[in-house]
Amino acid sequence: MNDLIFSQIPINDLRVLIQESVREEMQKNSISEPQPKTEFITRQETSSILGISLPTLNEWTKKGLIPGYRISSRVRYKRAEIMESLTKINTLKYRRD
C-alpha cells in the first residue's frame, strides 16, 4: 500500500468508470452460472411420494420405469424425475378416461 496515487477526476467520470467495471464483472459472472443442484431422495421418500411399497419400487426400478442411481451402496432417486413421472402417469390416466 505504499504506492498511492491521487488524481483529480470529475465525479461523473468516476461514476462512469465504476459502472463500466461493475458491468464487466457482472458479464463475467453471468457466463459461468452454476448448475442447479440435483436433489436425491431415498427409497422410502420415493415410495411415499408415489404411494407404492418398497418391493414395487424395486420392481419398477429394475424394469426401467423409474431411473435409480447407485450412490455408494445406496439407491437414490432424483426428486425432479419422480415428480415428472407423476405428471406422466396423471396425463396417461386422463387420456384413458
C-alpha atoms as a PDB file:
ATOM      1  CA  MET A   1       0.000   0.000   0.000  1.00  0.00           C
ATOM      2  CA  ASN A   2       2.969   2.286  -0.351  1.00  0.00           C
ATOM      3  CA  ASP A   3       2.109   3.189  -3.958  1.00  0.00           C
ATOM      4  CA  LEU A   4      -0.854   5.504  -3.541  1.00  0.00           C
ATOM      5  CA  ILE A   5      -1.625   7.825  -6.415  1.00  0.00           C
ATOM      6  CA  PHE A   6      -4.047  10.672  -6.020  1.00  0.00           C
ATOM      7  CA  SER A   7      -5.504  12.323  -9.070  1.00  0.00           C
ATOM      8  CA  GLN A   8      -8.244  14.754  -9.687  1.00  0.00           C
ATOM      9  CA  ILE A   9     -11.070  13.160 -11.617  1.00  0.00           C
ATOM     10  CA  PRO A  10     -14.510  14.639 -12.079  1.00  0.00           C
ATOM     11  CA  ILE A  11     -17.276  12.828 -10.193  1.00  0.00           C
ATOM     12  CA  ASN A  12     -19.172  11.962 -13.403  1.00  0.00           C
ATOM     13  CA  ASP A  13     -16.088  10.324 -14.905  1.00  0.00           C
ATOM     14  CA  LEU A  14     -15.594   8.347 -11.707  1.00  0.00           C
ATOM     15  CA  ARG A  15     -19.213   7.137 -11.841  1.00  0.00           C
ATOM     16  CA  VAL A  16     -18.782   6.037 -15.460  1.00  0.00           C
ATOM     17  CA  LEU A  17     -15.593   4.124 -14.603  1.00  0.00           C
ATOM     18  CA  ILE A  18     -17.274   2.372 -11.668  1.00  0.00           C
ATOM     19  CA  GLN A  19     -20.343   1.477 -13.769  1.00  0.00           C
ATOM     20  CA  GLU A  20     -18.200   0.026 -16.544  1.00  0.00           C
ATOM     21  CA  SER A  21     -16.161  -2.020 -14.079  1.00  0.00           C
ATOM     22  CA  VAL A  22     -19.254  -3.397 -12.382  1.00  0.00           C
ATOM     23  CA  ARG A  23     -20.896  -4.191 -15.741  1.00  0.00           C
ATOM     24  CA  GLU A  24     -17.794  -6.089 -16.914  1.00  0.00           C
ATOM     25  CA  GLU A  25     -17.668  -8.146 -13.718  1.00  0.00           C
ATOM     26  CA  MET A  26     -21.363  -8.963 -13.916  1.00  0.00           C
ATOM     27  CA  GLN A  27     -20.972 -10.147 -17.509  1.00  0.00           C
ATOM     28  CA  LYS A  28     -18.081 -12.403 -16.499  1.00  0.00           C
ATOM     29  CA  ASN A  29     -20.168 -13.929 -13.700  1.00  0.00           C
ATOM     30  CA  SER A  30     -23.309 -14.369 -15.809  1.00  0.00           C
ATOM     31  CA  ILE A  31     -21.442 -16.574 -18.278  1.00  0.00           C
ATOM     32  CA  SER A  32     -20.414 -19.086 -15.638  1.00  0.00           C
ATOM     33  CA  GLU A  33     -23.676 -19.545 -13.742  1.00  0.00           C
ATOM     34  CA  PRO A  34     -23.631 -22.662 -11.565  1.00  0.00           C
ATOM     35  CA  GLN A  35     -25.893 -25.572 -12.482  1.00  0.00           C
ATOM     36  CA  PRO A  36     -28.844 -26.119 -10.157  1.00  0.00           C
ATOM     37  CA  LYS A  37     -28.078 -28.748  -7.565  1.00  0.00           C
ATOM     38  CA  THR A  38     -29.792 -32.090  -8.113  1.00  0.00           C
ATOM     39  CA  GLU A  39     -31.751 -33.292  -5.105  1.00  0.00           C
ATOM     40  CA  PHE A  40     -31.544 -37.029  -4.476  1.00  0.00           C
ATOM     41  CA  ILE A  41     -34.133 -38.740  -2.281  1.00  0.00           C
ATOM     42  CA  THR A  42     -34.181 -42.101  -0.522  1.00  0.00           C
ATOM     43  CA  ARG A  43     -36.169 -45.196  -1.484  1.00  0.00           C
ATOM     44  CA  GLN A  44     -38.538 -44.576   1.413  1.00  0.00           C
ATOM     45  CA  GLU A  45     -39.216 -40.986   0.336  1.00  0.00           C
ATOM     46  CA  THR A  46     -39.722 -42.091  -3.260  1.00  0.00           C
ATOM     47  CA  SER A  47     -42.155 -44.862  -2.364  1.00  0.00           C
ATOM     48  CA  SER A  48     -44.074 -42.446  -0.160  1.00  0.00           C
ATOM     49  CA  ILE A  49     -44.346 -39.840  -2.947  1.00  0.00           C
ATOM     50  CA  LEU A  50     -45.510 -42.458  -5.444  1.00  0.00           C
ATOM     51  CA  GLY A  51     -47.765 -44.209  -2.935  1.00  0.00           C
ATOM     52  CA  ILE A  52     -46.248 -47.627  -3.584  1.00  0.00           C
ATOM     53  CA  SER A  53     -44.437 -50.239  -1.499  1.00  0.00           C
ATOM     54  CA  LEU A  54     -40.663 -50.666  -1.466  1.00  0.00           C
ATOM     55  CA  PRO A  55     -40.841 -54.020  -3.337  1.00  0.00           C
ATOM     56  CA  THR A  56     -42.943 -52.371  -6.075  1.00  0.00           C
ATOM     57  CA  LEU A  57     -40.440 -49.510  -6.287  1.00  0.00           C
ATOM     58  CA  ASN A  58     -37.646 -52.076  -6.622  1.00  0.00           C
ATOM     59  CA  GLU A  59     -39.503 -53.827  -9.479  1.00  0.00           C
ATOM     60  CA  TRP A  60     -40.208 -50.554 -11.280  1.00  0.00           C
ATOM     61  CA  THR A  61     -36.544 -49.580 -10.970  1.00  0.00           C
ATOM     62  CA  LYS A  62     -35.376 -52.939 -12.363  1.00  0.00           C
ATOM     63  CA  LYS A  63     -37.818 -52.641 -15.282  1.00  0.00           C
ATOM     64  CA  GLY A  64     -36.562 -49.116 -16.003  1.00  0.00           C
ATOM     65  CA  LEU A  65     -39.895 -47.420 -15.347  1.00  0.00           C
ATOM     66  CA  ILE A  66     -38.220 -45.166 -12.776  1.00  0.00           C
ATOM     67  CA  PRO A  67     -34.489 -44.416 -13.050  1.00  0.00           C
ATOM     68  CA  GLY A  68     -32.496 -45.112  -9.912  1.00  0.00           C
ATOM     69  CA  TYR A  69     -28.939 -44.060  -9.125  1.00  0.00           C
ATOM     70  CA  ARG A  70     -26.475 -46.024  -7.047  1.00  0.00           C
ATOM     71  CA  ILE A  71     -24.533 -43.756  -4.734  1.00  0.00           C
ATOM     72  CA  SER A  72     -22.017 -45.817  -2.825  1.00  0.00           C
ATOM     73  CA  SER A  73     -24.052 -48.800  -1.605  1.00  0.00           C
ATOM     74  CA  ARG A  74     -27.400 -46.950  -1.620  1.00  0.00           C
ATOM     75  CA  VAL A  75     -30.003 -46.405  -4.317  1.00  0.00           C
ATOM     76  CA  ARG A  76     -31.284 -42.870  -4.670  1.00  0.00           C
ATOM     77  CA  TYR A  77     -33.759 -41.164  -6.966  1.00  0.00           C
ATOM     78  CA  LYS A  78     -33.853 -37.658  -8.405  1.00  0.00           C
ATOM     79  CA  ARG A  79     -36.800 -35.747  -6.960  1.00  0.00           C
ATOM     80  CA  ALA A  80     -37.395 -33.900 -10.260  1.00  0.00           C
ATOM     81  CA  GLU A  81     -37.611 -37.179 -12.203  1.00  0.00           C
ATOM     82  CA  ILE A  82     -40.040 -38.678  -9.681  1.00  0.00           C
ATOM     83  CA  MET A  83     -42.278 -35.616  -9.855  1.00  0.00           C
ATOM     84  CA  GLU A  84     -42.094 -35.727 -13.669  1.00  0.00           C
ATOM     85  CA  SER A  85     -43.094 -39.406 -13.653  1.00  0.00           C
ATOM     86  CA  LEU A  86     -46.147 -38.482 -11.578  1.00  0.00           C
ATOM     87  CA  THR A  87     -47.099 -35.935 -14.220  1.00  0.00           C
ATOM     88  CA  LYS A  88     -46.716 -38.536 -16.960  1.00  0.00           C
ATOM     89  CA  ILE A  89     -48.798 -41.049 -15.006  1.00  0.00           C
ATOM     90  CA  ASN A  90     -51.554 -38.490 -14.434  1.00  0.00           C
ATOM     91  CA  THR A  91     -51.510 -37.495 -18.095  1.00  0.00           C
ATOM     92  CA  LEU A  92     -51.841 -41.087 -19.225  1.00  0.00           C
ATOM     93  CA  LYS A  93     -54.579 -41.688 -16.677  1.00  0.00           C
ATOM     94  CA  TYR A  94     -56.638 -38.785 -18.012  1.00  0.00           C
ATOM     95  CA  ARG A  95     -56.194 -39.857 -21.626  1.00  0.00           C
ATOM     96  CA  ARG A  96     -57.731 -43.267 -20.903  1.00  0.00           C
ATOM     97  CA  ASP A  97     -60.937 -41.809 -19.472  1.00  0.00           C
END
